[in-house]
Amino acid sequence: MGVDNFSDTVGIRIGCNATFYLDNVYFDTIDTCIYTGVNKPSLLINNSFVFSYLDSVGSSFFKRDRSLINSQELVVNNILFDIKKDNYKLINANIPVGYDTFMRTQFKNSILKNHNIYFFDPYLSQYIRDSNDDFLIRTDMQNFEDNWFVLGVMPNFAGELSLNISFSLNRSIKIYCGSGLSNFTYDIRDPKNGFHFQFGYGKVIVDNSVYYVLCMRTKGPATGFPVITTKSGSRCFMRTPNDDILYKPIDYGVSEEDIKIMVDI
C-alpha cells in the first residue's frame, strides 16, 4: 500500500454520547486514532500503543469537530506514542486551555518517544497539575547566547498565572499576571549578580484563539540551569514540546520585532 492509502484514516470512529473504555489497543499507522465528530462521549483509554512506520502519517490521537467549544471527558493512561510526523496533535479539538478546572481531560503516565507535538496542543498544559508547586520545565541546558528563546505559551484565559523562572540557586524571577497579561508584576531575586536579561511576549492568533508566546533573552552569553515552576496550579501555561531544545519565537510564528518587552534588567 502507498502512503496515500493511509492518509485521513481513522482507527476508531464514535457516533454517540455514551461512555467507552478502551484497553490494550494497538493503533498501527493510523492518521487519526479516535474521532468523535460532533459527539461528546466519555472516554477512558488504558495500556495502548500508538505507532506509525511512515514519517508522513500520523496527524492526531483524539479528534472531534471544532464547532464544539467546551471540555472533553478524556482520560488517557499508560500509552506509548511513537509518531515521527511533525506537529502531531494529541488533542485535536477546540478545548479552551485554563478552563478545565475539574480536570476532565487528563494524560497520565504516557510516553512520547518523539517530542514533535504541535506547539498549541492543549496537551501541553497537562503538565500543570492541581498543586501549589509543579515543575513545568527542568533542563540540562546551561549556555545561552543573547538571542530570544521561548519559555512557553499563555492562552487568553480568565484566570491568573504565576511562574517562577530560576537559572541557579540565587538567580530567579517570579512573574504574576492576569488574563491577557494584565496586572503584570514581577520580583527579582539577587538582581546584582551581573546576570542581565529581557522578558517579553509575542501575540499570535491560532484557530481564532489568542495566545501569548512568552520569550526571554540574556544580555550577552550566560550560564544557568533554567527551571520553570508554577505556583497557581491553574493549568493555564503551555510548556514547550521538548525540554532540551531552545525554541525560537519564529517557530511559534512570532518575529523578534513584534516582541513586547516587559522586563529589562
Protein backbone atom coordinates (compact mmCIF):
# COMPACT_ATOMS: atom_id res chain seq x y z
CA MET A 1 0.00 0.00 0.00
CA GLY A 2 1.23 3.53 -0.76
CA VAL A 3 1.37 6.43 1.66
CA ASP A 4 -1.85 7.91 0.24
CA ASN A 5 -3.74 4.82 1.34
CA PHE A 6 -3.06 5.76 4.97
CA SER A 7 -3.97 9.45 4.67
CA ASP A 8 -7.11 10.50 6.56
CA THR A 9 -7.56 7.01 8.03
CA VAL A 10 -9.42 6.71 11.33
CA GLY A 11 -8.83 3.94 13.85
CA ILE A 12 -12.00 4.23 15.97
CA ARG A 13 -14.98 6.36 14.95
CA ILE A 14 -17.56 7.06 17.68
CA GLY A 15 -21.03 8.29 16.73
CA CYS A 16 -22.85 8.65 20.06
CA ASN A 17 -22.51 10.22 23.52
CA ALA A 18 -22.03 7.02 25.51
CA THR A 19 -19.16 6.01 27.80
CA PHE A 20 -16.33 3.92 26.35
CA TYR A 21 -13.47 2.04 27.99
CA LEU A 22 -10.61 1.09 25.65
CA ASP A 23 -7.79 -1.15 26.82
CA ASN A 24 -4.77 -2.69 25.09
CA VAL A 25 -5.40 -1.10 21.71
CA TYR A 26 -2.63 -1.04 19.08
CA PHE A 27 -3.03 1.85 16.66
CA ASP A 28 -0.74 0.99 13.76
CA THR A 29 -0.05 3.67 11.11
CA ILE A 30 -3.38 5.44 11.55
CA ASP A 31 -3.74 9.13 10.71
CA THR A 32 -6.35 9.82 13.43
CA CYS A 33 -6.71 7.25 16.19
CA ILE A 34 -10.08 8.30 17.67
CA TYR A 35 -12.65 10.56 16.01
CA THR A 36 -15.93 11.57 17.66
CA GLY A 37 -17.30 14.18 15.22
CA VAL A 38 -19.93 16.37 16.90
CA ASN A 39 -20.42 13.87 19.73
CA LYS A 40 -19.04 14.11 23.27
CA PRO A 41 -18.56 10.59 24.59
CA SER A 42 -16.75 9.89 27.86
CA LEU A 43 -13.50 8.08 27.08
CA LEU A 44 -11.13 6.13 29.29
CA ILE A 45 -8.15 4.72 27.37
CA ASN A 46 -5.57 2.48 29.03
CA ASN A 47 -2.41 0.50 28.22
CA SER A 48 -2.22 1.15 24.49
CA PHE A 49 0.39 1.80 21.79
CA VAL A 50 0.29 4.40 19.01
CA PHE A 51 2.80 3.78 16.23
CA SER A 52 3.41 4.80 12.64
CA TYR A 53 6.17 3.33 10.50
CA LEU A 54 5.60 6.08 7.91
CA ASP A 55 7.12 9.50 8.61
CA SER A 56 4.28 11.28 6.85
CA VAL A 57 1.34 9.51 8.53
CA GLY A 58 0.01 10.44 11.95
CA SER A 59 -1.91 13.69 12.47
CA SER A 60 -3.77 13.31 15.75
CA PHE A 61 -4.65 10.94 18.57
CA PHE A 62 -8.04 12.34 19.60
CA LYS A 63 -10.10 14.48 17.22
CA ARG A 64 -13.56 15.98 17.33
CA ASP A 65 -15.43 18.65 15.37
CA ARG A 66 -14.01 22.10 16.14
CA SER A 67 -17.52 23.58 16.28
CA LEU A 68 -17.69 22.19 19.83
CA ILE A 69 -16.14 24.69 22.24
CA ASN A 70 -16.13 23.09 25.65
CA SER A 71 -14.39 20.50 27.79
CA GLN A 72 -13.97 16.82 26.94
CA GLU A 73 -14.13 13.84 29.30
CA LEU A 74 -10.95 12.12 28.14
CA VAL A 75 -8.65 10.19 30.48
CA VAL A 76 -5.56 8.55 28.97
CA ASN A 77 -3.32 6.23 31.00
CA ASN A 78 -0.14 4.32 30.13
CA ILE A 79 0.15 4.93 26.40
CA LEU A 80 3.34 4.96 24.35
CA PHE A 81 3.35 7.29 21.33
CA ASP A 82 5.89 6.61 18.58
CA ILE A 83 4.98 9.07 15.83
CA LYS A 84 7.59 10.70 13.60
CA LYS A 85 5.45 13.30 11.81
CA ASP A 86 5.90 16.89 12.97
CA ASN A 87 3.10 18.90 14.60
CA TYR A 88 1.36 15.79 15.93
CA LYS A 89 -1.81 16.69 17.85
CA LEU A 90 -2.66 14.59 20.87
CA ILE A 91 -5.81 16.69 21.28
CA ASN A 92 -7.21 17.99 18.00
CA ALA A 93 -10.22 19.75 19.48
CA ASN A 94 -11.35 23.22 20.46
CA ILE A 95 -10.82 22.81 24.20
CA PRO A 96 -10.08 26.17 25.90
CA VAL A 97 -6.88 25.89 27.93
CA GLY A 98 -7.14 27.06 31.54
CA TYR A 99 -10.88 26.45 31.90
CA ASP A 100 -10.74 22.73 32.68
CA THR A 101 -10.94 23.26 36.43
CA PHE A 102 -12.46 19.82 37.00
CA MET A 103 -9.57 18.18 35.06
CA ARG A 104 -11.89 16.33 32.71
CA THR A 105 -9.07 15.93 30.19
CA GLN A 106 -6.04 14.09 31.57
CA PHE A 107 -2.96 12.33 30.23
CA LYS A 108 -1.22 10.21 32.86
CA ASN A 109 1.92 8.05 32.74
CA SER A 110 2.19 8.35 28.97
CA ILE A 111 5.42 8.48 26.98
CA LEU A 112 6.09 10.45 23.84
CA LYS A 113 9.08 8.89 22.12
CA ASN A 114 9.44 11.88 19.78
CA HIS A 115 8.91 15.42 21.03
CA ASN A 116 7.16 16.65 17.88
CA ILE A 117 3.90 17.83 19.42
CA TYR A 118 2.01 20.76 17.91
CA PHE A 119 3.08 23.96 19.70
CA PHE A 120 -0.51 24.92 20.66
CA ASP A 121 -1.78 21.48 21.60
CA PRO A 122 -3.93 21.65 24.78
CA TYR A 123 -1.97 18.60 25.93
CA LEU A 124 1.00 20.86 26.71
CA SER A 125 -0.95 22.36 29.62
CA GLN A 126 -1.42 18.91 31.15
CA TYR A 127 1.92 19.21 32.94
CA ILE A 128 0.35 21.79 35.24
CA ARG A 129 -1.33 19.71 37.90
CA ASP A 130 -3.73 20.70 40.64
CA SER A 131 -0.91 21.56 43.04
CA ASN A 132 0.82 24.56 44.57
CA ASP A 133 4.27 23.93 43.12
CA ASP A 134 4.86 21.89 39.99
CA PHE A 135 7.88 21.55 37.72
CA LEU A 136 7.00 22.53 34.17
CA ILE A 137 10.41 22.65 32.56
CA ARG A 138 13.63 21.34 34.02
CA THR A 139 16.53 21.08 31.64
CA ASP A 140 20.26 20.41 31.49
CA MET A 141 20.86 23.29 29.08
CA GLN A 142 23.38 25.70 30.55
CA ASN A 143 24.75 28.05 27.93
CA PHE A 144 22.70 30.88 26.48
CA GLU A 145 23.55 33.33 23.77
CA ASP A 146 21.96 36.75 23.50
CA ASN A 147 19.07 35.54 21.32
CA TRP A 148 15.36 35.37 22.12
CA PHE A 149 14.06 31.92 23.09
CA VAL A 150 10.58 30.71 24.05
CA LEU A 151 9.66 29.84 27.63
CA GLY A 152 6.13 28.69 26.84
CA VAL A 153 2.68 29.92 25.87
CA MET A 154 -0.09 31.56 27.86
CA PRO A 155 -3.59 31.42 26.33
CA ASN A 156 -6.00 34.30 26.71
CA PHE A 157 -7.89 32.73 29.61
CA ALA A 158 -9.93 34.11 32.51
CA GLY A 159 -7.56 33.46 35.38
CA GLU A 160 -4.12 34.20 36.77
CA LEU A 161 -0.65 32.91 36.05
CA SER A 162 2.22 32.68 38.49
CA LEU A 163 5.58 31.42 37.27
CA ASN A 164 9.00 31.14 38.84
CA ILE A 165 11.93 31.03 36.40
CA SER A 166 15.17 30.00 38.11
CA PHE A 167 18.60 29.91 36.48
CA SER A 168 20.55 28.94 39.59
CA LEU A 169 20.17 28.91 43.33
CA ASN A 170 20.42 32.70 43.56
CA ARG A 171 19.14 33.81 40.16
CA SER A 172 15.39 33.79 39.58
CA ILE A 173 12.40 35.89 38.55
CA LYS A 174 8.81 35.47 39.69
CA ILE A 175 6.10 36.60 37.28
CA TYR A 176 2.46 37.32 38.10
CA CYS A 177 -0.27 38.35 35.69
CA GLY A 178 -3.93 38.03 34.86
CA SER A 179 -5.87 37.43 31.65
CA GLY A 180 -4.12 38.81 28.59
CA LEU A 181 -1.01 39.58 30.70
CA SER A 182 -2.98 42.25 32.57
CA ASN A 183 -1.81 43.45 36.00
CA PHE A 184 1.69 42.24 35.20
CA THR A 185 4.17 42.33 38.10
CA TYR A 186 7.46 40.60 38.83
CA ASP A 187 10.02 40.07 41.59
CA ILE A 188 13.76 39.58 41.06
CA ARG A 189 15.97 37.52 43.33
CA ASP A 190 19.62 38.62 43.56
CA PRO A 191 19.45 41.27 40.83
CA LYS A 192 23.04 42.48 41.41
CA ASN A 193 24.89 39.37 40.34
CA GLY A 194 25.62 40.58 36.82
CA PHE A 195 23.03 38.34 35.19
CA HIS A 196 21.04 40.62 32.88
CA PHE A 197 18.13 39.64 30.69
CA GLN A 198 14.94 40.75 28.95
CA PHE A 199 11.48 39.18 29.23
CA GLY A 200 8.62 39.79 26.82
CA TYR A 201 5.89 38.26 24.71
CA GLY A 202 4.57 38.00 21.19
CA LYS A 203 0.85 37.78 20.45
CA VAL A 204 -0.42 35.23 17.91
CA ILE A 205 -3.87 34.06 16.82
CA VAL A 206 -4.28 30.35 16.09
CA ASP A 207 -7.64 28.81 15.15
CA ASN A 208 -9.39 32.04 16.21
CA SER A 209 -7.81 31.84 19.68
CA VAL A 210 -5.34 34.34 21.15
CA TYR A 211 -2.04 33.12 22.61
CA TYR A 212 0.83 34.99 24.23
CA VAL A 213 4.22 33.46 23.48
CA LEU A 214 6.48 34.21 26.47
CA CYS A 215 10.08 34.88 25.46
CA MET A 216 13.38 35.64 27.14
CA ARG A 217 16.94 36.53 26.19
CA THR A 218 20.11 37.23 28.10
CA LYS A 219 22.26 40.28 27.53
CA GLY A 220 25.36 38.53 26.34
CA PRO A 221 26.35 34.87 26.86
CA ALA A 222 25.24 33.43 30.20
CA THR A 223 25.31 30.17 32.11
CA GLY A 224 22.42 28.87 34.17
CA PHE A 225 20.06 25.99 34.89
CA PRO A 226 16.60 27.12 33.77
CA VAL A 227 13.82 25.62 35.85
CA ILE A 228 10.22 26.82 35.43
CA THR A 229 7.63 26.13 38.11
CA THR A 230 4.06 27.26 38.60
CA LYS A 231 2.62 28.50 41.85
CA SER A 232 -1.01 28.69 40.79
CA GLY A 233 -1.70 25.17 39.51
CA SER A 234 -4.31 26.61 37.15
CA ARG A 235 -3.30 24.59 34.06
CA CYS A 236 -3.09 27.81 32.06
CA PHE A 237 0.50 27.66 30.89
CA MET A 238 1.57 25.59 27.90
CA ARG A 239 5.14 24.35 28.07
CA THR A 240 7.41 23.80 25.08
CA PRO A 241 7.29 20.33 23.50
CA ASN A 242 10.90 19.42 24.34
CA ASP A 243 12.88 20.43 27.41
CA ASP A 244 16.21 20.11 25.64
CA ILE A 245 15.54 22.46 22.73
CA LEU A 246 15.65 26.24 22.81
CA TYR A 247 12.76 27.17 20.55
CA LYS A 248 12.92 30.48 18.72
CA PRO A 249 10.00 32.93 18.55
CA ILE A 250 9.75 32.38 14.80
CA ASP A 251 8.98 28.70 15.50
CA TYR A 252 5.74 29.97 17.06
CA GLY A 253 5.03 32.49 14.33
CA VAL A 254 6.43 35.47 16.25
CA SER A 255 9.03 37.80 14.75
CA GLU A 256 11.55 39.34 17.14
CA GLU A 257 10.45 42.81 16.04
CA ASP A 258 6.95 42.08 17.41
CA ILE A 259 8.09 41.06 20.89
CA LYS A 260 6.86 43.46 23.56
CA ILE A 261 9.49 43.80 26.29
CA MET A 262 8.06 43.81 29.82
CA VAL A 263 11.21 43.24 31.90
CA ASP A 264 14.61 44.74 31.04
CA ILE A 265 17.30 44.21 33.67
